[in-house]
Protein backbone atom coordinates (compact mmCIF):
# COMPACT_ATOMS: atom_id res chain seq x y z
CA MET A 1 -2.80 -30.75 -20.89
CA ALA A 2 -3.20 -33.31 -23.67
CA HIS A 3 -4.42 -35.86 -21.10
CA GLU A 4 -7.09 -33.45 -19.84
CA PHE A 5 -8.08 -32.69 -23.43
CA LEU A 6 -8.79 -36.41 -23.88
CA HIS A 7 -11.30 -36.13 -21.01
CA TYR A 8 -12.97 -33.21 -22.77
CA VAL A 9 -13.24 -35.24 -25.98
CA GLU A 10 -14.74 -38.14 -24.01
CA TYR A 11 -17.39 -35.82 -22.54
CA ALA A 12 -18.13 -34.26 -25.94
CA LYS A 13 -18.50 -37.74 -27.45
CA LYS A 14 -20.83 -38.95 -24.70
CA PHE A 15 -22.94 -35.80 -24.59
CA SER A 16 -23.37 -35.66 -28.36
CA SER A 17 -24.38 -39.31 -28.58
CA GLY A 18 -26.62 -39.26 -25.50
CA ASN A 19 -24.66 -42.21 -24.08
CA ILE A 20 -24.38 -40.78 -20.59
CA THR A 21 -23.75 -42.71 -17.41
CA SER A 22 -22.74 -41.62 -13.96
CA HIS A 23 -19.18 -42.37 -12.95
CA GLU A 24 -18.38 -44.04 -9.67
CA THR A 25 -16.71 -42.07 -6.89
CA SER A 26 -13.19 -43.22 -6.11
CA THR A 27 -12.19 -43.58 -2.49
CA SER A 28 -8.53 -44.47 -2.98
CA VAL A 29 -5.70 -43.20 -5.13
CA TYR A 30 -5.55 -46.60 -6.87
CA GLN A 31 -9.26 -46.46 -7.77
CA SER A 32 -9.00 -42.88 -8.97
CA MET A 33 -6.01 -43.72 -11.23
CA TYR A 34 -7.94 -46.64 -12.76
CA SER A 35 -11.07 -44.54 -13.15
CA ASP A 36 -9.09 -41.73 -14.78
CA ARG A 37 -7.66 -44.10 -17.41
CA CYS A 38 -11.09 -45.60 -18.16
CA HIS A 39 -12.81 -42.26 -18.72
CA LEU A 40 -10.83 -40.80 -21.54
CA VAL A 41 -10.49 -41.33 -25.23
CA ASN A 42 -7.58 -43.36 -26.60
CA PRO A 43 -4.84 -40.84 -27.49
CA LYS A 44 -4.28 -42.62 -30.82
CA SER A 45 -7.81 -41.66 -31.84
CA VAL A 46 -7.11 -37.95 -31.34
CA PHE A 47 -3.41 -37.27 -31.85
CA ASN A 48 -1.09 -38.16 -34.73
CA ASN A 49 2.15 -37.32 -32.95
CA ARG A 50 3.73 -40.58 -31.70
CA THR A 51 5.98 -38.75 -29.26
CA LEU A 52 2.96 -37.12 -27.61
CA ILE A 53 1.00 -40.39 -27.56
CA ASN A 54 3.93 -42.24 -25.99
CA LEU A 55 4.41 -39.46 -23.43
CA ILE A 56 0.74 -39.55 -22.43
CA ASN A 57 0.78 -43.34 -22.13
CA ARG A 58 4.06 -43.38 -20.20
CA LYS A 59 3.30 -40.52 -17.81
CA PHE A 60 -0.25 -41.64 -17.04
CA GLU A 61 0.21 -45.40 -17.10
CA THR A 62 -0.20 -45.54 -13.32
CA GLY A 63 -1.56 -42.05 -12.79
CA LEU A 64 0.56 -38.95 -12.95
CA MET A 65 3.42 -39.88 -10.66
CA ASP A 66 6.34 -37.64 -11.52
CA GLU A 67 8.78 -37.53 -8.61
CA LYS A 68 10.78 -34.67 -10.09
CA LEU A 69 7.61 -32.60 -10.50
CA ASN A 70 6.50 -33.53 -6.96
CA ARG A 71 9.87 -32.40 -5.49
CA LYS A 72 9.80 -29.13 -7.42
CA THR A 73 6.22 -28.46 -6.32
CA GLU A 74 7.13 -29.15 -2.70
CA GLU A 75 10.23 -26.94 -2.78
CA LYS A 76 9.04 -24.07 -4.95
CA TRP A 77 5.41 -23.85 -3.87
CA ILE A 78 4.31 -25.71 -0.75
CA LYS A 79 7.37 -24.93 1.42
CA LYS A 80 6.99 -21.26 0.50
CA LYS A 81 3.48 -21.44 1.98
CA LEU A 82 1.89 -20.46 -1.31
CA PRO A 83 -1.82 -21.30 -1.66
CA HIS A 84 -2.56 -24.98 -2.14
CA LYS A 85 -5.18 -27.51 -1.24
CA TYR A 86 -4.97 -31.24 -0.70
CA VAL A 87 -7.85 -33.03 -2.39
CA ARG A 88 -9.00 -36.49 -1.36
CA PRO A 89 -9.78 -38.85 -4.26
CA GLU A 90 -13.48 -38.93 -3.39
CA ASP A 91 -13.60 -35.11 -3.56
CA ASN A 92 -11.86 -34.92 -6.93
CA THR A 93 -15.08 -34.99 -8.92
CA ASN A 94 -17.08 -32.78 -11.19
CA ALA A 95 -20.82 -32.48 -11.26
CA ILE A 96 -22.67 -31.63 -14.43
CA SER A 97 -26.37 -31.01 -14.15
CA PRO A 98 -28.72 -33.13 -16.26
CA THR A 99 -30.12 -29.94 -17.76
CA SER A 100 -26.67 -28.91 -18.98
CA ILE A 101 -26.09 -32.32 -20.50
CA PHE A 102 -29.42 -32.47 -22.30
CA ASN A 103 -29.03 -28.90 -23.58
CA TYR A 104 -25.53 -29.60 -24.89
CA LYS A 105 -25.36 -29.02 -28.61
CA ILE A 106 -22.26 -29.19 -30.73
CA THR A 107 -22.42 -26.25 -33.09
CA ASP A 108 -18.88 -26.60 -34.40
CA HIS A 109 -19.17 -28.77 -37.51
CA ASN A 110 -15.44 -29.54 -37.43
CA LEU A 111 -15.82 -31.03 -33.96
CA LYS A 112 -18.81 -33.10 -35.09
CA ASP A 113 -16.81 -34.42 -38.04
CA LYS A 114 -13.78 -35.19 -35.85
CA LEU A 115 -15.94 -37.08 -33.33
CA LYS A 116 -17.43 -39.20 -36.12
CA GLU A 117 -13.97 -39.85 -37.56
CA MET A 118 -12.67 -40.77 -34.11
CA GLU A 119 -15.51 -43.26 -33.58
CA LYS A 120 -14.62 -44.94 -36.88
CA ILE A 121 -10.97 -45.18 -35.84
CA GLU A 122 -11.91 -46.65 -32.46
CA PHE A 123 -14.28 -49.14 -34.11
CA LYS A 124 -11.60 -50.31 -36.55
CA ARG A 125 -9.05 -50.61 -33.73
CA ALA A 126 -11.50 -52.68 -31.65
CA GLN A 127 -12.11 -55.02 -34.59
CA ARG A 128 -8.36 -55.66 -34.97
CA GLU A 129 -7.83 -56.38 -31.27
């Protein structure tokens, strides 16, 4: 959930700044894993909990590949013929209309402040690296 939240923060940051570009469509699992990592905010810019940051980095280093979770899902869901859908990488996309993007306004002042603070943190980190 924290990983997906980082995507939300990335969208909020881009929409509020007007720095919006279209993302490429991935046609392989490898491309989609790389794309996923490139389109989210650095966890260190959002979270203070080192355990959570390390977990996000470790679990998503090469995409979410958790064999134990995959086995449990297979046994407890798919084999029981519960509803599921296989999604090809090129179909795992979201489409946001230009109108929605241009009408996006952040009304939560705390979120605005946090986004500004996060940009400062990212800028300082980039200067050190």
